[in-house]
Amino acid sequence: MTLQSLIEEMFSKQAQELGEDGFRIFDEFKSALNAGNARAAEPDASSPSGWRVNGWVKKGILLGFRLGRVVSFPPAEFQFRDKHTYPLKQLPEGQNIRVVPGGSSIRDGCYIGKNVTCMPPMYVNVGAYVDEGTMVDSHALVGSCAQIGRRVHISAAAQIGGVLEPIGALPVIIEDDALVGGNCGVYEGAIVGQGAVLAAGTIITGSTPVYDLVRDTVHRRQGDAPLKIPPGAVVVPGARAVTQGRGKDQGISLYTPVIIKYRDEKTDQAVRLEDLLR
């Protein structure tokens, strides 16, 4: 049987039914997560979003919580208590991954690519995929199952939500060469396209309408198709007036992200400065 079929079979059973074989299969599954061979979502040109959800991978991650028991992890001076199936990740030799001292944690069962830099304190959760050359800056979060591309900069205090459940839901995806500014938040399975720039403080959710002033359109989730920030878009926090009812009477405006331009040489120069930190 394939690893996928084994996970699917295990998921239909209770923890007490799984026994030692269950732990063995789960360890094999977690090794596939750590190696980047099993991903909660992966590129798929045939999909309208360009991505395909692998529900069986999410089931495998949830199995880890079902199988795990809460234990204390050594060493004593840095003790923490969690499910024994998810200790701290052991970073492989030869990957040139930098995790700077100061309170950062990377949970076992995620992929960290070559030349990734992690500035303290930051956190990467189980099921996440962080590709080569990316920087995860101070106080940043990469949530469970989030997919982060190559050469992405996740700036200080940015929050990249995950989406572990529901199992069939697309996780948050940040494509190659994107810049996520400080105090940004990306949630609910939204996709940030290749090379896009989110200015500091921009919040993107799956249900957020994004007003594109350049192309005179509004980007939003359509049925099963997720919200996607177009490649190269530069997005800033904005506001739009309430046009009816009490909101209009009281002059209230609502938050909305706004695309003010697409990347140009000036934007590229600013982004290239980030390379000095890697």
C-alpha atoms as a PDB file:
ATOM      1  CA  MET A   1       0.000   0.000   0.000  1.00  0.00           C
ATOM      2  CA  THR A   2       1.113   3.567  -0.606  1.00  0.00           C
ATOM      3  CA  LEU A   3       1.729   5.974   2.237  1.00  0.00           C
ATOM      4  CA  GLN A   4      -1.375   7.884   1.177  1.00  0.00           C
ATOM      5  CA  SER A   5      -3.610   4.825   1.338  1.00  0.00           C
ATOM      6  CA  LEU A   6      -2.155   3.838   4.726  1.00  0.00           C
ATOM      7  CA  ILE A   7      -2.892   7.289   6.132  1.00  0.00           C
ATOM      8  CA  GLU A   8      -6.419   7.223   4.704  1.00  0.00           C
ATOM      9  CA  GLU A   9      -7.027   3.830   6.307  1.00  0.00           C
ATOM     10  CA  MET A  10      -5.593   4.905   9.671  1.00  0.00           C
ATOM     11  CA  PHE A  11      -7.655   8.079   9.729  1.00  0.00           C
ATOM     12  CA  SER A  12     -10.877   6.068   9.814  1.00  0.00           C
ATOM     13  CA  LYS A  13      -9.791   4.279  13.009  1.00  0.00           C
ATOM     14  CA  GLN A  14      -9.566   5.275  16.658  1.00  0.00           C
ATOM     15  CA  ALA A  15      -6.152   5.769  18.253  1.00  0.00           C
ATOM     16  CA  GLN A  16      -6.429   2.595  20.373  1.00  0.00           C
ATOM     17  CA  GLU A  17      -6.930   0.543  17.203  1.00  0.00           C
ATOM     18  CA  LEU A  18      -3.675   1.665  15.581  1.00  0.00           C
ATOM     19  CA  GLY A  19      -1.011   0.176  17.855  1.00  0.00           C
ATOM     20  CA  GLU A  20       2.720   0.252  17.100  1.00  0.00           C
ATOM     21  CA  ASP A  21       2.138   0.013  13.348  1.00  0.00           C
ATOM     22  CA  GLY A  22       0.304   3.298  13.586  1.00  0.00           C
ATOM     23  CA  PHE A  23       3.335   5.027  15.092  1.00  0.00           C
ATOM     24  CA  ARG A  24       5.627   3.461  12.509  1.00  0.00           C
ATOM     25  CA  ILE A  25       3.468   4.695   9.624  1.00  0.00           C
ATOM     26  CA  PHE A  26       3.112   8.116  11.223  1.00  0.00           C
ATOM     27  CA  ASP A  27       6.900   8.400  11.604  1.00  0.00           C
ATOM     28  CA  GLU A  28       7.262   7.536   7.906  1.00  0.00           C
ATOM     29  CA  PHE A  29       4.674  10.186   7.071  1.00  0.00           C
ATOM     30  CA  LYS A  30       6.401  12.808   9.211  1.00  0.00           C
ATOM     31  CA  SER A  31       9.710  12.034   7.502  1.00  0.00           C
ATOM     32  CA  ALA A  32       7.991  12.744   4.174  1.00  0.00           C
ATOM     33  CA  LEU A  33       6.774  16.097   5.556  1.00  0.00           C
ATOM     34  CA  ASN A  34      10.258  16.976   6.780  1.00  0.00           C
ATOM     35  CA  ALA A  35      11.762  16.127   3.397  1.00  0.00           C
ATOM     36  CA  GLY A  36       9.154  18.107   1.476  1.00  0.00           C
ATOM     37  CA  ASN A  37       7.912  14.976  -0.275  1.00  0.00           C
ATOM     38  CA  ALA A  38       4.436  15.247   1.268  1.00  0.00           C
ATOM     39  CA  ARG A  39       2.743  18.651   1.065  1.00  0.00           C
ATOM     40  CA  ALA A  40      -0.676  19.863   2.207  1.00  0.00           C
ATOM     41  CA  ALA A  41      -0.949  21.682  -1.120  1.00  0.00           C
ATOM     42  CA  GLU A  42       1.195  21.731  -4.232  1.00  0.00           C
ATOM     43  CA  PRO A  43       1.309  23.523  -7.575  1.00  0.00           C
ATOM     44  CA  ASP A  44      -1.135  22.164 -10.154  1.00  0.00           C
ATOM     45  CA  ALA A  45      -1.440  23.895 -13.520  1.00  0.00           C
ATOM     46  CA  SER A  46      -4.780  22.183 -14.182  1.00  0.00           C
ATOM     47  CA  SER A  47      -6.416  23.847 -11.171  1.00  0.00           C
ATOM     48  CA  PRO A  48      -8.058  27.301 -11.522  1.00  0.00           C
ATOM     49  CA  SER A  49      -6.025  28.531  -8.551  1.00  0.00           C
ATOM     50  CA  GLY A  50      -2.813  26.876  -9.751  1.00  0.00           C
ATOM     51  CA  TRP A  51      -2.753  24.748  -6.581  1.00  0.00           C
ATOM     52  CA  ARG A  52      -4.143  21.391  -5.446  1.00  0.00           C
ATOM     53  CA  VAL A  53      -5.037  20.446  -1.877  1.00  0.00           C
ATOM     54  CA  ASN A  54      -3.746  17.071  -0.670  1.00  0.00           C
ATOM     55  CA  GLY A  55      -6.369  16.198   1.914  1.00  0.00           C
ATOM     56  CA  TRP A  56      -4.629  12.978   2.909  1.00  0.00           C
ATOM     57  CA  VAL A  57      -1.637  15.007   4.140  1.00  0.00           C
ATOM     58  CA  LYS A  58      -3.879  17.034   6.430  1.00  0.00           C
ATOM     59  CA  LYS A  59      -5.374  13.775   7.697  1.00  0.00           C
ATOM     60  CA  GLY A  60      -1.861  12.537   8.489  1.00  0.00           C
ATOM     61  CA  ILE A  61      -1.086  15.685  10.479  1.00  0.00           C
ATOM     62  CA  LEU A  62      -4.316  15.349  12.451  1.00  0.00           C
ATOM     63  CA  LEU A  63      -3.443  11.702  13.143  1.00  0.00           C
ATOM     64  CA  GLY A  64      -0.328  12.922  14.925  1.00  0.00           C
ATOM     65  CA  PHE A  65      -2.500  14.727  17.449  1.00  0.00           C
ATOM     66  CA  ARG A  66      -4.784  11.707  17.820  1.00  0.00           C
ATOM     67  CA  LEU A  67      -1.829   9.372  18.420  1.00  0.00           C
ATOM     68  CA  GLY A  68       0.241  11.722  20.560  1.00  0.00           C
ATOM     69  CA  ARG A  69       0.378  11.857  24.328  1.00  0.00           C
ATOM     70  CA  VAL A  70       1.500  14.931  26.242  1.00  0.00           C
ATOM     71  CA  VAL A  71       5.078  14.599  27.497  1.00  0.00           C
ATOM     72  CA  SER A  72       7.871  16.856  28.772  1.00  0.00           C
ATOM     73  CA  PHE A  73      10.657  17.475  26.294  1.00  0.00           C
ATOM     74  CA  PRO A  74      14.283  17.879  27.470  1.00  0.00           C
ATOM     75  CA  PRO A  75      16.545  19.627  28.193  1.00  0.00           C
ATOM     76  CA  ALA A  76      15.082  20.614  31.548  1.00  0.00           C
ATOM     77  CA  GLU A  77      16.228  24.241  31.364  1.00  0.00           C
ATOM     78  CA  PHE A  78      14.232  24.695  28.125  1.00  0.00           C
ATOM     79  CA  GLN A  79      11.424  22.303  28.958  1.00  0.00           C
ATOM     80  CA  PHE A  80       8.116  22.393  27.141  1.00  0.00           C
ATOM     81  CA  ARG A  81       5.154  20.033  27.145  1.00  0.00           C
ATOM     82  CA  ASP A  82       3.401  18.913  23.955  1.00  0.00           C
ATOM     83  CA  LYS A  83       2.229  15.863  22.044  1.00  0.00           C
ATOM     84  CA  HIS A  84       5.174  13.477  21.858  1.00  0.00           C
ATOM     85  CA  THR A  85       4.595  13.039  18.134  1.00  0.00           C
ATOM     86  CA  TYR A  86       5.570  16.698  17.504  1.00  0.00           C
ATOM     87  CA  PRO A  87       8.924  17.538  19.141  1.00  0.00           C
ATOM     88  CA  LEU A  88      11.194  20.299  17.869  1.00  0.00           C
ATOM     89  CA  LYS A  89      12.363  19.713  14.319  1.00  0.00           C
ATOM     90  CA  GLN A  90      15.916  18.416  13.857  1.00  0.00           C
ATOM     91  CA  LEU A  91      17.426  20.586  11.141  1.00  0.00           C
ATOM     92  CA  PRO A  92      19.463  18.608   8.581  1.00  0.00           C
ATOM     93  CA  GLU A  93      23.152  19.235   8.046  1.00  0.00           C
ATOM     94  CA  GLY A  94      24.228  20.809   4.777  1.00  0.00           C
ATOM     95  CA  GLN A  95      21.085  22.876   4.235  1.00  0.00           C
ATOM     96  CA  ASN A  96      22.687  26.130   5.419  1.00  0.00           C
ATOM     97  CA  ILE A  97      19.557  26.968   7.444  1.00  0.00           C
ATOM     98  CA  ARG A  98      20.072  29.808   9.926  1.00  0.00           C
ATOM     99  CA  VAL A  99      18.011  29.817  13.123  1.00  0.00           C
ATOM    100  CA  VAL A 100      19.343  32.736  15.153  1.00  0.00           C
ATOM    101  CA  PRO A 101      19.247  32.259  18.970  1.00  0.00           C
ATOM    102  CA  GLY A 102      16.492  34.033  20.852  1.00  0.00           C
ATOM    103  CA  GLY A 103      13.329  31.986  21.267  1.00  0.00           C
ATOM    104  CA  SER A 104      12.440  30.644  17.819  1.00  0.00           C
ATOM    105  CA  SER A 105      10.712  27.284  17.383  1.00  0.00           C
ATOM    106  CA  ILE A 106      10.197  25.028  14.377  1.00  0.00           C
ATOM    107  CA  ARG A 107       7.831  22.135  14.953  1.00  0.00           C
ATOM    108  CA  ASP A 108       8.706  18.726  13.614  1.00  0.00           C
ATOM    109  CA  GLY A 109       6.809  17.708  10.492  1.00  0.00           C
ATOM    110  CA  CYS A 110       7.441  20.768   8.314  1.00  0.00           C
ATOM    111  CA  TYR A 111       9.789  21.402   5.399  1.00  0.00           C
ATOM    112  CA  ILE A 112      12.504  24.046   5.642  1.00  0.00           C
ATOM    113  CA  GLY A 113      14.443  24.552   2.399  1.00  0.00           C
ATOM    114  CA  LYS A 114      18.091  25.424   1.882  1.00  0.00           C
ATOM    115  CA  ASN A 115      19.372  28.852   2.925  1.00  0.00           C
ATOM    116  CA  VAL A 116      16.252  29.754   4.917  1.00  0.00           C
ATOM    117  CA  THR A 117      16.878  32.372   7.616  1.00  0.00           C
ATOM    118  CA  CYS A 118      14.821  32.468  10.825  1.00  0.00           C
ATOM    119  CA  MET A 119      15.143  35.569  13.020  1.00  0.00           C
ATOM    120  CA  PRO A 120      14.096  35.296  16.662  1.00  0.00           C
ATOM    121  CA  PRO A 121      11.500  34.930  17.933  1.00  0.00           C
ATOM    122  CA  MET A 122       9.516  33.215  15.188  1.00  0.00           C
ATOM    123  CA  TYR A 123       7.468  30.057  14.820  1.00  0.00           C
ATOM    124  CA  VAL A 124       6.857  27.533  12.044  1.00  0.00           C
ATOM    125  CA  ASN A 125       4.057  25.016  12.654  1.00  0.00           C
ATOM    126  CA  VAL A 126       3.630  21.416  11.543  1.00  0.00           C
ATOM    127  CA  GLY A 127       2.726  20.845   7.892  1.00  0.00           C
ATOM    128  CA  ALA A 128       4.206  24.135   6.703  1.00  0.00           C
ATOM    129  CA  TYR A 129       6.427  24.229   3.617  1.00  0.00           C
ATOM    130  CA  VAL A 130       9.074  26.978   3.535  1.00  0.00           C
ATOM    131  CA  ASP A 131      11.092  26.919   0.321  1.00  0.00           C
ATOM    132  CA  GLU A 132      14.699  27.906  -0.394  1.00  0.00           C
ATOM    133  CA  GLY A 133      16.134  31.317   0.382  1.00  0.00           C
ATOM    134  CA  THR A 134      13.148  32.576   2.362  1.00  0.00           C
ATOM    135  CA  MET A 135      13.457  34.777   5.452  1.00  0.00           C
ATOM    136  CA  VAL A 136      11.055  34.459   8.391  1.00  0.00           C
ATOM    137  CA  ASP A 137      11.629  37.596  10.435  1.00  0.00           C
ATOM    138  CA  SER A 138      11.175  38.371  14.134  1.00  0.00           C
ATOM    139  CA  HIS A 139       7.773  37.672  15.743  1.00  0.00           C
ATOM    140  CA  ALA A 140       6.499  36.137  12.497  1.00  0.00           C
ATOM    141  CA  LEU A 141       4.262  33.059  12.340  1.00  0.00           C
ATOM    142  CA  VAL A 142       4.029  30.462   9.577  1.00  0.00           C
ATOM    143  CA  GLY A 143       0.856  28.533  10.351  1.00  0.00           C
ATOM    144  CA  SER A 144       0.124  24.838   9.977  1.00  0.00           C
ATOM    145  CA  CYS A 145       0.065  23.726   6.301  1.00  0.00           C
ATOM    146  CA  ALA A 146       0.973  27.202   4.955  1.00  0.00           C
ATOM    147  CA  GLN A 147       2.949  27.015   1.705  1.00  0.00           C
ATOM    148  CA  ILE A 148       5.753  29.568   1.358  1.00  0.00           C
ATOM    149  CA  GLY A 149       7.681  29.877  -1.906  1.00  0.00           C
ATOM    150  CA  ARG A 150      11.300  30.670  -2.716  1.00  0.00           C
ATOM    151  CA  ARG A 151      13.009  33.915  -1.763  1.00  0.00           C
ATOM    152  CA  VAL A 152       9.972  35.165   0.150  1.00  0.00           C
ATOM    153  CA  HIS A 153      10.448  37.709   2.936  1.00  0.00           C
ATOM    154  CA  ILE A 154       7.983  37.373   5.798  1.00  0.00           C
ATOM    155  CA  SER A 155       8.664  40.579   7.705  1.00  0.00           C
ATOM    156  CA  ALA A 156       8.556  41.242  11.441  1.00  0.00           C
ATOM    157  CA  ALA A 157       5.286  40.372  13.222  1.00  0.00           C
ATOM    158  CA  ALA A 158       3.617  39.086  10.032  1.00  0.00           C
ATOM    159  CA  GLN A 159       1.056  36.324  10.509  1.00  0.00           C
ATOM    160  CA  ILE A 160       0.674  33.658   7.811  1.00  0.00           C
ATOM    161  CA  GLY A 161      -2.366  31.608   8.753  1.00  0.00           C
ATOM    162  CA  GLY A 162      -2.399  27.928   8.007  1.00  0.00           C
ATOM    163  CA  VAL A 163      -5.762  26.181   7.474  1.00  0.00           C
ATOM    164  CA  LEU A 164      -5.365  22.634   8.741  1.00  0.00           C
ATOM    165  CA  GLU A 165      -9.126  22.165   8.947  1.00  0.00           C
ATOM    166  CA  PRO A 166     -11.431  21.674   7.160  1.00  0.00           C
ATOM    167  CA  ILE A 167      -9.333  19.016   5.490  1.00  0.00           C
ATOM    168  CA  GLY A 168     -10.309  19.931   1.933  1.00  0.00           C
ATOM    169  CA  ALA A 169      -9.697  23.660   2.340  1.00  0.00           C
ATOM    170  CA  LEU A 170      -6.776  25.312   0.574  1.00  0.00           C
ATOM    171  CA  PRO A 171      -4.144  26.587   3.019  1.00  0.00           C
ATOM    172  CA  VAL A 172      -2.598  30.042   2.793  1.00  0.00           C
ATOM    173  CA  ILE A 173      -0.071  30.207  -0.061  1.00  0.00           C
ATOM    174  CA  ILE A 174       2.671  32.790  -0.556  1.00  0.00           C
ATOM    175  CA  GLU A 175       4.287  32.299  -3.964  1.00  0.00           C
ATOM    176  CA  ASP A 176       7.923  32.847  -4.974  1.00  0.00           C
ATOM    177  CA  ASP A 177       9.613  36.240  -4.510  1.00  0.00           C
ATOM    178  CA  ALA A 178       6.716  37.808  -2.605  1.00  0.00           C
ATOM    179  CA  LEU A 179       7.308  40.337   0.166  1.00  0.00           C
ATOM    180  CA  VAL A 180       4.967  40.273   3.161  1.00  0.00           C
ATOM    181  CA  GLY A 181       5.472  43.494   5.118  1.00  0.00           C
ATOM    182  CA  GLY A 182       5.590  43.998   8.865  1.00  0.00           C
ATOM    183  CA  ASN A 183       2.394  43.344  10.844  1.00  0.00           C
ATOM    184  CA  CYS A 184       0.641  41.892   7.801  1.00  0.00           C
ATOM    185  CA  GLY A 185      -1.822  39.037   8.101  1.00  0.00           C
ATOM    186  CA  VAL A 186      -2.804  36.512   5.420  1.00  0.00           C
ATOM    187  CA  TYR A 187      -5.588  34.090   6.375  1.00  0.00           C
ATOM    188  CA  GLU A 188      -8.374  31.732   5.200  1.00  0.00           C
ATOM    189  CA  GLY A 189      -6.611  30.129   2.257  1.00  0.00           C
ATOM    190  CA  ALA A 190      -5.805  33.324   0.380  1.00  0.00           C
ATOM    191  CA  ILE A 191      -3.032  33.188  -2.231  1.00  0.00           C
ATOM    192  CA  VAL A 192      -0.406  35.900  -2.620  1.00  0.00           C
ATOM    193  CA  GLY A 193       0.882  35.686  -6.190  1.00  0.00           C
ATOM    194  CA  GLN A 194       4.485  35.527  -7.340  1.00  0.00           C
ATOM    195  CA  GLY A 195       6.436  38.718  -6.687  1.00  0.00           C
ATOM    196  CA  ALA A 196       3.530  40.504  -5.002  1.00  0.00           C
ATOM    197  CA  VAL A 197       4.274  43.038  -2.259  1.00  0.00           C
ATOM    198  CA  LEU A 198       2.051  43.526   0.801  1.00  0.00           C
ATOM    199  CA  ALA A 199       2.810  46.857   2.460  1.00  0.00           C
ATOM    200  CA  ALA A 200       3.103  46.959   6.252  1.00  0.00           C
ATOM    201  CA  GLY A 201      -0.177  46.410   8.050  1.00  0.00           C
ATOM    202  CA  THR A 202      -2.073  44.874   5.117  1.00  0.00           C
ATOM    203  CA  ILE A 203      -4.621  42.222   6.117  1.00  0.00           C
ATOM    204  CA  ILE A 204      -5.790  39.677   3.543  1.00  0.00           C
ATOM    205  CA  THR A 205      -8.462  37.076   4.259  1.00  0.00           C
ATOM    206  CA  GLY A 206     -10.153  34.637   1.929  1.00  0.00           C
ATOM    207  CA  SER A 207     -13.322  36.731   1.982  1.00  0.00           C
ATOM    208  CA  THR A 208     -11.656  40.145   1.653  1.00  0.00           C
ATOM    209  CA  PRO A 209     -12.443  42.085  -1.554  1.00  0.00           C
ATOM    210  CA  VAL A 210      -9.252  43.657  -2.908  1.00  0.00           C
ATOM    211  CA  TYR A 211      -9.709  46.822  -4.986  1.00  0.00           C
ATOM    212  CA  ASP A 212      -7.353  47.049  -7.953  1.00  0.00           C
ATOM    213  CA  LEU A 213      -6.970  50.703  -8.932  1.00  0.00           C
ATOM    214  CA  VAL A 214      -4.606  49.844 -11.786  1.00  0.00           C
ATOM    215  CA  ARG A 215      -6.806  47.345 -13.618  1.00  0.00           C
ATOM    216  CA  ASP A 216     -10.108  48.832 -12.424  1.00  0.00           C
ATOM    217  CA  THR A 217     -11.413  45.571 -10.986  1.00  0.00           C
ATOM    218  CA  VAL A 218     -12.139  43.900  -7.659  1.00  0.00           C
ATOM    219  CA  HIS A 219     -10.410  40.631  -6.766  1.00  0.00           C
ATOM    220  CA  ARG A 220     -12.466  38.343  -4.556  1.00  0.00           C
ATOM    221  CA  ARG A 221     -13.172  34.680  -3.843  1.00  0.00           C
ATOM    222  CA  GLN A 222     -15.497  33.223  -6.490  1.00  0.00           C
ATOM    223  CA  GLY A 223     -17.187  29.965  -5.505  1.00  0.00           C
ATOM    224  CA  ASP A 224     -14.475  27.353  -5.044  1.00  0.00           C
ATOM    225  CA  ALA A 225     -11.808  29.623  -6.522  1.00  0.00           C
ATOM    226  CA  PRO A 226      -9.834  31.302  -3.712  1.00  0.00           C
ATOM    227  CA  LEU A 227      -8.919  34.961  -3.474  1.00  0.00           C
ATOM    228  CA  LYS A 228      -5.598  35.504  -5.218  1.00  0.00           C
ATOM    229  CA  ILE A 229      -3.470  38.629  -5.126  1.00  0.00           C
ATOM    230  CA  PRO A 230      -2.181  38.952  -8.719  1.00  0.00           C
ATOM    231  CA  PRO A 231       1.521  38.399  -9.390  1.00  0.00           C
ATOM    232  CA  GLY A 232       3.559  41.563  -8.972  1.00  0.00           C
ATOM    233  CA  ALA A 233       0.757  43.539  -7.308  1.00  0.00           C
ATOM    234  CA  VAL A 234       1.678  46.139  -4.678  1.00  0.00           C
ATOM    235  CA  VAL A 235      -1.030  46.128  -2.010  1.00  0.00           C
ATOM    236  CA  VAL A 236      -1.530  48.742   0.724  1.00  0.00           C
ATOM    237  CA  PRO A 237      -4.103  49.131   3.514  1.00  0.00           C
ATOM    238  CA  GLY A 238      -7.031  51.285   2.448  1.00  0.00           C
ATOM    239  CA  ALA A 239     -10.631  52.176   3.264  1.00  0.00           C
ATOM    240  CA  ARG A 240     -13.921  52.430   1.398  1.00  0.00           C
ATOM    241  CA  ALA A 241     -16.939  54.462   2.432  1.00  0.00           C
ATOM    242  CA  VAL A 242     -20.175  52.808   3.544  1.00  0.00           C
ATOM    243  CA  THR A 243     -22.706  53.997   0.957  1.00  0.00           C
ATOM    244  CA  GLN A 244     -26.037  53.205   2.595  1.00  0.00           C
ATOM    245  CA  GLY A 245     -27.864  52.996   5.908  1.00  0.00           C
ATOM    246  CA  ARG A 246     -26.566  54.150   9.268  1.00  0.00           C
ATOM    247  CA  GLY A 247     -22.986  53.660   8.200  1.00  0.00           C
ATOM    248  CA  LYS A 248     -23.384  56.248   5.467  1.00  0.00           C
ATOM    249  CA  ASP A 249     -25.203  58.635   7.816  1.00  0.00           C
ATOM    250  CA  GLN A 250     -22.365  58.464  10.318  1.00  0.00           C
ATOM    251  CA  GLY A 251     -19.574  58.759   7.742  1.00  0.00           C
ATOM    252  CA  ILE A 252     -18.139  55.323   8.475  1.00  0.00           C
ATOM    253  CA  SER A 253     -15.510  53.675   6.265  1.00  0.00           C
ATOM    254  CA  LEU A 254     -14.474  50.020   6.219  1.00  0.00           C
ATOM    255  CA  TYR A 255     -10.975  48.606   5.869  1.00  0.00           C
ATOM    256  CA  THR A 256     -10.007  47.191   2.493  1.00  0.00           C
ATOM    257  CA  PRO A 257      -6.707  46.277   0.804  1.00  0.00           C
ATOM    258  CA  VAL A 258      -5.964  48.311  -2.321  1.00  0.00           C
ATOM    259  CA  ILE A 259      -3.646  47.518  -5.249  1.00  0.00           C
ATOM    260  CA  ILE A 260      -2.011  50.839  -6.105  1.00  0.00           C
ATOM    261  CA  LYS A 261       0.493  49.631  -8.717  1.00  0.00           C
ATOM    262  CA  TYR A 262       2.372  46.627 -10.079  1.00  0.00           C
ATOM    263  CA  ARG A 263       6.048  46.064  -9.454  1.00  0.00           C
ATOM    264  CA  ASP A 264       8.486  48.283 -11.280  1.00  0.00           C
ATOM    265  CA  GLU A 265      12.217  48.981 -11.062  1.00  0.00           C
ATOM    266  CA  LYS A 266      11.778  51.209  -8.004  1.00  0.00           C
ATOM    267  CA  THR A 267       9.891  48.453  -6.170  1.00  0.00           C
ATOM    268  CA  ASP A 268      12.463  45.859  -7.222  1.00  0.00           C
ATOM    269  CA  GLN A 269      15.312  47.976  -5.856  1.00  0.00           C
ATOM    270  CA  ALA A 270      13.601  48.240  -2.478  1.00  0.00           C
ATOM    271  CA  VAL A 271      12.983  44.500  -2.333  1.00  0.00           C
ATOM    272  CA  ARG A 272      16.574  43.681  -3.327  1.00  0.00           C
ATOM    273  CA  LEU A 273      17.790  45.464  -0.197  1.00  0.00           C
ATOM    274  CA  GLU A 274      16.327  42.572   1.786  1.00  0.00           C
ATOM    275  CA  ASP A 275      18.937  40.239   0.296  1.00  0.00           C
ATOM    276  CA  LEU A 276      21.594  41.844   2.479  1.00  0.00           C
ATOM    277  CA  LEU A 277      19.975  40.260   5.539  1.00  0.00           C
ATOM    278  CA  ARG A 278      20.030  36.684   4.271  1.00  0.00           C
END
